[in-house]
Amino acid sequence: MSRLPSAVSEYSTRGGTSSYETRCTMPSDSNSRRCEASTFSVTPGSSRRSSPNRRHGCSCSAHRISTFHLPPITSIAASIPQTCPSGVPGLFSVAMPPPLRPAGSPRGKHPPESAYLITTGPWTSLIGMAHTTVDPTAKTPVTLLGLGAMGTALARTWLAAGHPVTVWNRTPSRATALAADGASVAATAAEAVAANTLVVVCLLDDASIDQALAGTDLTGRDLVNLTTSTPEQARARAAWAHERGARYLDGGIMAVPPMIGVPQAGGYVFYSGSRELFDRHRPTLAVPVDTRWVGEDPGHAALHDVALLSAMYGMFAGAAHAFALIRKEDIDPTALAPLLADWLTAMAPAVHQTADQLRTGDYTTNVVSNLAMQVAGTPTFLATAEQQGVSPELLTPYFDLMRRRLAEGNGNEDLTGVVDLLLR
């Protein structure tokens, strides 16, 4: 039985490109112990055969190789002894013989710019060999710009999970506090950006990004922006990043700092932009809080964020009015709170019917309490507020919209028509 070919490849990096020399072994039969050797030197986008050569005591024979491309390789780590191919298909190993030297250069002392990657099995999978040097258990390094309450919570969670984290903050004392947890503190934002490919920005506002990253080289960086912004600001920021050679994801955080690193708290981050970039970094981004991708449009994460937060503030407004109504009475607010929470929870599923009606355009489907009936009840709410000495200013804008929709002759509808009145 003939043996599968083996390949010994020397990788080297000079000037930001990659090359290697390949020697392929295939004995002509099971008893063969020696055959001629030949070395191939391959650079990105080309292939050529060099003069015969013998190295490492391996018997080799020449085989044709196809043109292919390699990514730049800057280092290959070896933790096992130098060895020649064992003949076991699919077995990969790395040997770094001292001294290391670039492919084709004379023997002697050279900086650690090359290493020998030894593999057995079908040598045609040389492109895959470039990826076998990556430690699959290594945690992705993260650069984090901005250490407010949210940024600090993110940094601590990544550090606790074993990710190398480089931090920068305009106020250095906040960054210094994280050094005790293992963070690397950068003196400038540019230094922090240069440290890692994945750069997460969590600053005060969109203008702060311009201030922090002015003049910073973003080439080749994966910029993830968690700064609160508008959809248009997010789209403009994506274009800004691409012009500077960076890839971009926008994010909207649906959590408060105490929810970070606590999966059962239910927080998550909306992401939008490149799906490929999101998938690449999702394992890292999901460490502090869950992730939800909402589309290729860079503005959609911010739009989802603001939509949900707007609904939240509407809920807070209603709750504030409810507590104001009982404020002067002998009613314990803590007794009202669970009743209020339960009622809001019971009403929350109504959003699904609103969404279905908006999608179909029929606002009269499955109506329980129509618009005419609900408008008829509004004077009771206003009178109660007046009697309790409470301003109705949180209620009247919505009541006004209800009356406008009724005046247009839509009394049999649900409240969904109010949505159309808000559009300009």
Protein backbone atom coordinates (compact mmCIF):
# COMPACT_ATOMS: atom_id res chain seq x y z
CA MET A 1 0.00 0.00 0.00
CA SER A 2 1.43 3.39 -0.94
CA ARG A 3 1.65 6.10 1.66
CA LEU A 4 -0.06 9.48 1.51
CA PRO A 5 2.22 12.41 0.64
CA SER A 6 3.59 14.56 3.42
CA ALA A 7 4.57 18.20 3.31
CA VAL A 8 7.11 20.27 5.20
CA SER A 9 6.63 24.01 4.79
CA GLU A 10 8.76 26.90 5.95
CA TYR A 11 6.79 30.13 6.48
CA SER A 12 8.48 33.47 6.56
CA THR A 13 7.28 37.05 6.75
CA ARG A 14 9.17 40.00 5.38
CA GLY A 15 7.73 43.32 4.36
CA GLY A 16 4.20 42.33 5.38
CA THR A 17 3.96 39.42 2.91
CA SER A 18 4.13 35.68 3.46
CA SER A 19 6.13 33.01 1.70
CA TYR A 20 7.12 29.47 2.44
CA GLU A 21 9.11 26.58 1.06
CA THR A 22 7.35 23.27 0.63
CA ARG A 23 8.90 19.83 0.41
CA CYS A 24 6.49 16.96 -0.25
CA THR A 25 7.28 13.37 0.58
CA MET A 26 5.74 10.38 -1.16
CA PRO A 27 7.74 7.10 -1.21
CA SER A 28 7.22 5.24 -4.47
CA ASP A 29 6.25 2.08 -2.57
CA SER A 30 5.98 0.75 0.94
CA ASN A 31 9.63 -0.35 0.98
CA SER A 32 11.05 2.89 -0.28
CA ARG A 33 13.26 4.71 2.18
CA ARG A 34 14.78 7.39 0.01
CA CYS A 35 13.91 9.51 -2.98
CA GLU A 36 14.98 12.81 -4.46
CA ALA A 37 14.08 16.04 -2.74
CA SER A 38 12.96 19.28 -4.23
CA THR A 39 12.01 22.59 -2.67
CA PHE A 40 9.21 24.88 -3.84
CA SER A 41 9.27 28.54 -2.82
CA VAL A 42 5.78 30.06 -2.87
CA THR A 43 4.82 33.69 -2.46
CA PRO A 44 1.29 35.12 -2.48
CA GLY A 45 -0.18 34.83 -5.95
CA SER A 46 2.69 32.86 -7.50
CA SER A 47 4.43 29.49 -7.44
CA ARG A 48 7.82 28.39 -8.66
CA ARG A 49 10.15 25.44 -8.29
CA SER A 50 13.63 26.01 -6.89
CA SER A 51 16.70 23.77 -6.94
CA PRO A 52 16.66 20.35 -5.24
CA ASN A 53 17.40 20.42 -1.56
CA ARG A 54 17.37 18.19 1.52
CA ARG A 55 16.48 19.34 5.03
CA HIS A 56 15.61 17.79 8.37
CA GLY A 57 16.72 14.33 7.18
CA CYS A 58 13.44 13.81 5.32
CA SER A 59 13.34 12.05 1.96
CA CYS A 60 11.18 13.99 -0.44
CA SER A 61 9.95 13.94 -3.99
CA ALA A 62 8.69 16.87 -6.00
CA HIS A 63 5.02 17.48 -6.77
CA ARG A 64 3.31 20.18 -8.79
CA ILE A 65 1.56 22.90 -6.79
CA SER A 66 -1.09 25.37 -7.83
CA THR A 67 -1.10 29.12 -7.51
CA PHE A 68 -2.83 30.31 -4.33
CA HIS A 69 -2.79 33.17 -1.85
CA LEU A 70 -1.72 33.28 1.78
CA PRO A 71 -2.60 35.73 4.54
CA PRO A 72 0.30 37.57 6.19
CA ILE A 73 1.74 35.47 9.01
CA THR A 74 3.59 37.29 11.77
CA SER A 75 4.31 34.49 14.23
CA ILE A 76 3.95 30.77 14.67
CA ALA A 77 4.21 29.34 18.18
CA ALA A 78 5.56 25.85 18.75
CA SER A 79 5.11 23.78 21.87
CA ILE A 80 6.14 20.35 20.60
CA PRO A 81 9.57 18.96 19.61
CA GLN A 82 10.80 19.29 16.07
CA THR A 83 9.78 16.27 14.03
CA CYS A 84 9.51 14.99 10.52
CA PRO A 85 6.16 13.86 9.10
CA SER A 86 4.85 10.79 10.85
CA GLY A 87 2.72 9.62 7.99
CA VAL A 88 -0.53 9.98 9.94
CA PRO A 89 -3.02 11.81 7.69
CA GLY A 90 -4.32 15.07 9.07
CA LEU A 91 -1.67 15.41 11.81
CA PHE A 92 -0.32 18.94 12.09
CA SER A 93 2.67 20.10 14.10
CA VAL A 94 5.02 23.06 14.23
CA ALA A 95 8.78 22.89 14.61
CA MET A 96 10.95 25.96 15.16
CA PRO A 97 14.59 24.87 14.61
CA PRO A 98 17.22 27.25 15.98
CA PRO A 99 18.19 29.51 14.47
CA LEU A 100 15.07 30.50 12.50
CA ARG A 101 15.72 31.95 9.09
CA PRO A 102 13.62 33.34 6.23
CA ALA A 103 13.00 31.07 3.28
CA GLY A 104 15.90 30.99 0.84
CA SER A 105 18.34 32.91 3.05
CA PRO A 106 21.74 31.58 4.18
CA ARG A 107 22.01 29.74 7.45
CA GLY A 108 22.96 31.84 10.43
CA LYS A 109 21.36 33.94 13.12
CA HIS A 110 18.07 35.47 12.08
CA PRO A 111 15.24 37.17 13.98
CA PRO A 112 12.18 34.98 14.69
CA GLU A 113 10.46 35.79 11.42
CA SER A 114 10.02 32.23 10.16
CA ALA A 115 9.07 28.81 11.40
CA TYR A 116 8.66 25.34 9.97
CA LEU A 117 5.14 24.00 9.80
CA ILE A 118 5.18 20.24 9.43
CA THR A 119 2.09 18.39 8.32
CA THR A 120 1.24 14.96 7.10
CA GLY A 121 -1.64 13.90 4.99
CA PRO A 122 -2.78 15.29 1.64
CA TRP A 123 -0.50 18.26 1.05
CA THR A 124 -2.95 19.89 -1.32
CA SER A 125 -4.63 21.57 1.67
CA LEU A 126 -1.74 23.98 2.13
CA ILE A 127 -4.02 26.98 2.55
CA GLY A 128 -5.63 25.33 5.55
CA MET A 129 -2.17 24.79 7.06
CA ALA A 130 -1.85 28.52 7.63
CA HIS A 131 -4.74 28.36 10.07
CA THR A 132 -3.52 25.43 12.14
CA THR A 133 -1.15 27.70 14.05
CA VAL A 134 -4.02 29.54 15.78
CA ASP A 135 -4.78 28.41 19.31
CA PRO A 136 -8.55 27.66 19.26
CA THR A 137 -8.76 28.26 23.02
CA ALA A 138 -7.24 31.74 22.88
CA LYS A 139 -9.60 34.57 23.85
CA THR A 140 -9.97 37.48 21.44
CA PRO A 141 -8.18 40.61 22.68
CA VAL A 142 -10.42 43.64 23.04
CA THR A 143 -9.72 47.37 23.07
CA LEU A 144 -12.34 49.39 24.93
CA LEU A 145 -12.61 53.16 24.67
CA GLY A 146 -14.75 54.78 27.37
CA LEU A 147 -14.99 53.75 31.00
CA GLY A 148 -18.19 55.21 32.30
CA ALA A 149 -20.45 52.93 34.30
CA MET A 150 -21.35 50.87 31.22
CA GLY A 151 -17.82 50.72 29.81
CA THR A 152 -16.38 49.67 33.15
CA ALA A 153 -18.97 46.91 33.48
CA LEU A 154 -18.13 45.64 29.99
CA ALA A 155 -14.38 45.69 30.70
CA ARG A 156 -14.69 43.82 33.98
CA THR A 157 -16.81 41.11 32.37
CA TRP A 158 -14.36 40.53 29.51
CA LEU A 159 -11.45 40.44 31.94
CA ALA A 160 -13.24 37.95 34.19
CA ALA A 161 -13.80 35.73 31.15
CA GLY A 162 -10.08 35.73 30.32
CA HIS A 163 -10.02 38.17 27.41
CA PRO A 164 -6.97 40.44 27.17
CA VAL A 165 -8.40 43.96 27.44
CA THR A 166 -6.73 47.26 26.61
CA VAL A 167 -8.58 50.29 27.96
CA TRP A 168 -8.50 54.03 27.51
CA ASN A 169 -10.52 56.76 29.14
CA ARG A 170 -10.31 60.52 28.96
CA THR A 171 -10.15 60.56 32.77
CA PRO A 172 -7.13 58.31 33.47
CA SER A 173 -8.12 57.41 37.04
CA ARG A 174 -10.99 55.24 35.79
CA ALA A 175 -8.63 53.26 33.60
CA THR A 176 -6.11 52.85 36.42
CA ALA A 177 -8.75 51.18 38.58
CA LEU A 178 -9.08 48.40 35.98
CA ALA A 179 -5.34 47.75 35.86
CA ALA A 180 -5.67 45.82 39.12
CA ASP A 181 -8.06 43.47 37.33
CA GLY A 182 -5.52 42.81 34.60
CA ALA A 183 -6.39 45.44 32.00
CA SER A 184 -3.65 47.08 29.95
CA VAL A 185 -4.00 50.84 30.23
CA ALA A 186 -3.20 52.90 27.14
CA ALA A 187 -2.03 56.47 27.49
CA THR A 188 -3.90 57.59 24.38
CA ALA A 189 -6.86 56.42 22.34
CA ALA A 190 -4.54 55.91 19.36
CA GLU A 191 -2.32 53.62 21.43
CA ALA A 192 -5.34 51.61 22.54
CA VAL A 193 -6.64 51.27 18.97
CA ALA A 194 -3.22 50.09 17.77
CA ALA A 195 -3.17 47.33 20.38
CA ASN A 196 -5.99 45.13 19.02
CA THR A 197 -8.08 44.49 15.92
CA LEU A 198 -11.40 44.52 17.81
CA VAL A 199 -12.08 48.04 19.09
CA VAL A 200 -15.25 48.72 21.11
CA VAL A 201 -16.30 52.33 21.62
CA CYS A 202 -18.62 53.22 24.51
CA LEU A 203 -18.48 56.99 24.89
CA LEU A 204 -20.88 59.73 25.94
CA ASP A 205 -22.20 60.69 22.52
CA ASP A 206 -21.38 60.71 18.81
CA ALA A 207 -19.34 63.92 19.04
CA SER A 208 -17.11 62.25 21.64
CA ILE A 209 -16.05 59.67 19.03
CA ASP A 210 -14.68 62.40 16.76
CA GLN A 211 -12.78 63.91 19.66
CA ALA A 212 -11.34 60.62 20.88
CA LEU A 213 -10.33 59.21 17.49
CA ALA A 214 -9.19 62.36 15.71
CA GLY A 215 -6.08 61.48 13.72
CA THR A 216 -6.10 57.82 14.83
CA ASP A 217 -5.18 55.19 12.25
CA LEU A 218 -8.14 52.81 11.97
CA THR A 219 -6.82 50.76 9.06
CA GLY A 220 -7.72 47.10 9.46
CA ARG A 221 -9.65 47.62 12.66
CA ASP A 222 -13.07 46.17 13.50
CA LEU A 223 -14.88 49.12 15.08
CA VAL A 224 -17.91 48.29 17.24
CA ASN A 225 -19.75 51.43 18.30
CA LEU A 226 -21.90 51.08 21.42
CA THR A 227 -22.29 54.83 21.89
CA THR A 228 -25.91 55.97 21.99
CA SER A 229 -26.72 57.69 18.71
CA THR A 230 -29.46 58.31 16.17
CA PRO A 231 -29.91 56.07 13.11
CA GLU A 232 -28.55 58.78 10.82
CA GLN A 233 -25.53 59.30 13.05
CA ALA A 234 -24.88 55.55 12.98
CA ARG A 235 -25.03 55.45 9.17
CA ALA A 236 -22.71 58.44 8.91
CA ARG A 237 -20.33 56.85 11.42
CA ALA A 238 -20.24 53.64 9.37
CA ALA A 239 -19.26 55.62 6.26
CA TRP A 240 -16.68 57.54 8.33
CA ALA A 241 -15.14 54.25 9.53
CA HIS A 242 -15.03 52.72 6.06
CA GLU A 243 -13.30 55.81 4.67
CA ARG A 244 -10.58 55.23 7.27
CA GLY A 245 -10.09 51.59 6.40
CA ALA A 246 -12.08 50.09 9.28
CA ARG A 247 -14.94 47.61 9.33
CA TYR A 248 -17.98 48.73 11.33
CA LEU A 249 -20.76 47.43 13.53
CA ASP A 250 -23.22 49.66 15.35
CA GLY A 251 -24.76 48.62 18.65
CA GLY A 252 -27.63 49.65 20.89
CA ILE A 253 -27.40 48.47 24.49
CA MET A 254 -30.68 47.26 25.96
CA ALA A 255 -29.37 46.96 29.50
CA VAL A 256 -28.19 49.02 32.44
CA PRO A 257 -24.73 48.46 34.00
CA PRO A 258 -25.88 46.08 36.78
CA MET A 259 -27.27 43.75 34.07
CA ILE A 260 -23.89 43.35 32.37
CA GLY A 261 -22.33 39.96 33.04
CA VAL A 262 -25.60 38.64 34.48
CA PRO A 263 -27.24 36.46 31.78
CA GLN A 264 -30.41 35.92 33.78
CA ALA A 265 -30.99 39.68 33.90
CA GLY A 266 -32.25 39.54 30.31
CA GLY A 267 -30.18 42.34 28.81
CA TYR A 268 -28.86 42.32 25.27
CA VAL A 269 -27.32 44.52 22.60
CA PHE A 270 -28.80 45.20 19.17
CA TYR A 271 -26.17 45.03 16.40
CA SER A 272 -26.46 46.14 12.79
CA GLY A 273 -24.05 46.38 9.89
CA SER A 274 -21.93 43.64 8.36
CA ARG A 275 -23.35 40.21 9.18
CA GLU A 276 -19.97 38.62 8.47
CA LEU A 277 -18.29 40.93 10.98
CA PHE A 278 -21.02 40.30 13.55
CA ASP A 279 -20.69 36.53 13.19
CA ARG A 280 -16.92 36.75 13.50
CA HIS A 281 -17.00 38.61 16.80
CA ARG A 282 -20.27 37.36 18.23
CA PRO A 283 -18.62 34.93 20.71
CA THR A 284 -16.66 37.84 22.19
CA LEU A 285 -19.47 40.40 22.05
CA ALA A 286 -21.84 37.94 23.76
CA VAL A 287 -19.60 37.57 26.83
CA PRO A 288 -20.92 40.63 28.71
CA VAL A 289 -24.50 40.49 27.46
CA ASP A 290 -26.58 38.68 24.82
CA THR A 291 -26.54 39.82 21.19
CA ARG A 292 -29.26 40.41 18.59
CA TRP A 293 -28.45 41.28 14.98
CA VAL A 294 -31.14 43.41 13.31
CA GLY A 295 -29.90 43.93 9.77
CA GLU A 296 -27.22 45.15 7.39
CA ASP A 297 -28.34 48.77 7.64
CA PRO A 298 -25.92 50.32 10.18
CA GLY A 299 -28.71 52.56 11.48
CA HIS A 300 -31.09 49.78 12.51
CA ALA A 301 -29.46 48.98 15.85
CA ALA A 302 -29.85 52.61 16.94
CA LEU A 303 -33.41 52.69 15.59
CA HIS A 304 -34.42 49.58 17.54
CA ASP A 305 -32.70 50.96 20.63
CA VAL A 306 -34.52 54.28 20.52
CA ALA A 307 -37.87 52.67 19.65
CA LEU A 308 -37.77 50.42 22.70
CA LEU A 309 -36.49 53.16 24.99
CA SER A 310 -39.23 55.50 23.76
CA ALA A 311 -41.84 52.92 24.74
CA MET A 312 -40.11 52.58 28.08
CA TYR A 313 -40.36 56.31 28.74
CA GLY A 314 -44.04 56.23 27.79
CA MET A 315 -44.49 53.53 30.42
CA PHE A 316 -42.54 55.56 32.98
CA ALA A 317 -44.76 58.56 32.20
CA GLY A 318 -47.90 56.56 32.87
CA ALA A 319 -46.44 55.14 36.08
CA ALA A 320 -45.44 58.63 37.24
CA HIS A 321 -49.00 59.86 36.72
CA ALA A 322 -50.39 56.85 38.62
CA PHE A 323 -48.14 57.47 41.64
CA ALA A 324 -48.98 61.18 41.57
CA LEU A 325 -52.68 60.36 41.84
CA ILE A 326 -52.19 58.56 45.16
CA ARG A 327 -49.40 60.77 46.49
CA LYS A 328 -51.65 62.78 48.84
CA GLU A 329 -53.72 59.79 49.94
CA ASP A 330 -53.17 57.30 52.72
CA ILE A 331 -52.00 54.67 50.24
CA ASP A 332 -48.62 53.03 50.50
CA PRO A 333 -46.81 53.36 47.12
CA THR A 334 -45.20 49.97 47.72
CA ALA A 335 -48.67 48.45 47.87
CA LEU A 336 -49.61 50.03 44.55
CA ALA A 337 -46.35 49.03 42.83
CA PRO A 338 -47.06 45.29 42.39
CA LEU A 339 -50.59 46.05 41.21
CA LEU A 340 -49.21 48.51 38.69
CA ALA A 341 -46.52 46.10 37.48
CA ASP A 342 -49.01 43.28 37.06
CA TRP A 343 -51.42 45.49 35.12
CA LEU A 344 -48.72 46.78 32.77
CA THR A 345 -47.57 43.19 32.22
CA ALA A 346 -51.13 42.15 31.38
CA MET A 347 -51.50 45.00 28.87
CA ALA A 348 -48.10 44.54 27.20
CA PRO A 349 -49.26 41.82 24.74
CA ALA A 350 -51.48 44.43 23.10
CA VAL A 351 -48.41 45.50 21.10
CA HIS A 352 -48.70 42.30 19.06
CA GLN A 353 -52.20 43.21 17.90
CA THR A 354 -51.04 46.73 17.09
CA ALA A 355 -48.19 45.30 15.00
CA ASP A 356 -50.52 42.92 13.14
CA GLN A 357 -52.95 45.74 12.37
CA LEU A 358 -50.14 47.97 11.09
CA ARG A 359 -48.88 45.16 8.87
CA THR A 360 -52.30 44.41 7.36
CA GLY A 361 -53.61 47.98 7.32
CA ASP A 362 -56.89 46.87 8.91
CA TYR A 363 -57.29 48.65 12.28
CA THR A 364 -60.71 47.13 12.98
CA THR A 365 -59.56 43.52 13.42
CA ASN A 366 -60.15 41.91 16.83
CA VAL A 367 -61.08 45.21 18.48
CA VAL A 368 -62.22 44.85 22.09
CA SER A 369 -62.64 48.48 23.14
CA ASN A 370 -63.00 50.71 20.10
CA LEU A 371 -61.73 54.24 19.76
CA ALA A 372 -65.13 55.89 20.25
CA MET A 373 -65.68 54.15 23.58
CA GLN A 374 -62.19 54.97 24.86
CA VAL A 375 -62.47 58.64 23.91
CA ALA A 376 -65.77 58.78 25.81
CA GLY A 377 -63.93 57.70 28.96
CA THR A 378 -61.15 60.30 28.88
CA PRO A 379 -63.08 63.01 30.82
CA THR A 380 -63.06 60.72 33.88
CA PHE A 381 -59.24 60.56 33.84
CA LEU A 382 -58.90 64.33 33.47
CA ALA A 383 -61.45 65.06 36.20
CA THR A 384 -59.75 62.65 38.62
CA ALA A 385 -56.40 64.32 38.01
CA GLU A 386 -57.89 67.74 38.73
CA GLN A 387 -59.56 66.53 41.91
CA GLN A 388 -56.31 64.97 43.14
CA GLY A 389 -54.33 68.10 42.36
CA VAL A 390 -52.30 66.41 39.63
CA SER A 391 -51.32 67.97 36.33
CA PRO A 392 -52.70 66.01 33.34
CA GLU A 393 -49.79 67.05 31.08
CA LEU A 394 -48.50 63.49 30.73
CA LEU A 395 -51.92 62.27 29.52
CA THR A 396 -53.35 65.09 27.43
CA PRO A 397 -51.05 64.72 24.38
CA TYR A 398 -52.21 61.15 23.84
CA PHE A 399 -55.85 61.96 24.55
CA ASP A 400 -55.66 64.77 21.97
CA LEU A 401 -54.46 62.32 19.33
CA MET A 402 -57.29 59.93 20.16
CA ARG A 403 -59.86 62.70 19.69
CA ARG A 404 -58.30 63.75 16.37
CA ARG A 405 -58.51 60.22 15.02
CA LEU A 406 -62.13 59.94 16.15
CA ALA A 407 -62.98 63.23 14.44
CA GLU A 408 -61.78 61.69 11.17
CA GLY A 409 -64.56 59.11 11.44
CA ASN A 410 -62.62 56.13 12.73
CA GLY A 411 -64.63 55.33 15.84
CA ASN A 412 -64.74 51.57 15.14
CA GLU A 413 -60.97 51.25 15.04
CA ASP A 414 -58.56 50.21 17.73
CA LEU A 415 -56.04 52.79 19.00
CA THR A 416 -53.61 51.85 16.21
CA GLY A 417 -54.60 54.80 14.03
CA VAL A 418 -52.79 57.14 16.44
CA VAL A 419 -49.53 55.81 14.96
CA ASP A 420 -50.38 57.29 11.56
CA LEU A 421 -51.15 60.67 13.11
CA LEU A 422 -47.59 60.86 14.45
CA LEU A 423 -46.05 60.54 10.98
CA ARG A 424 -45.05 63.82 9.34
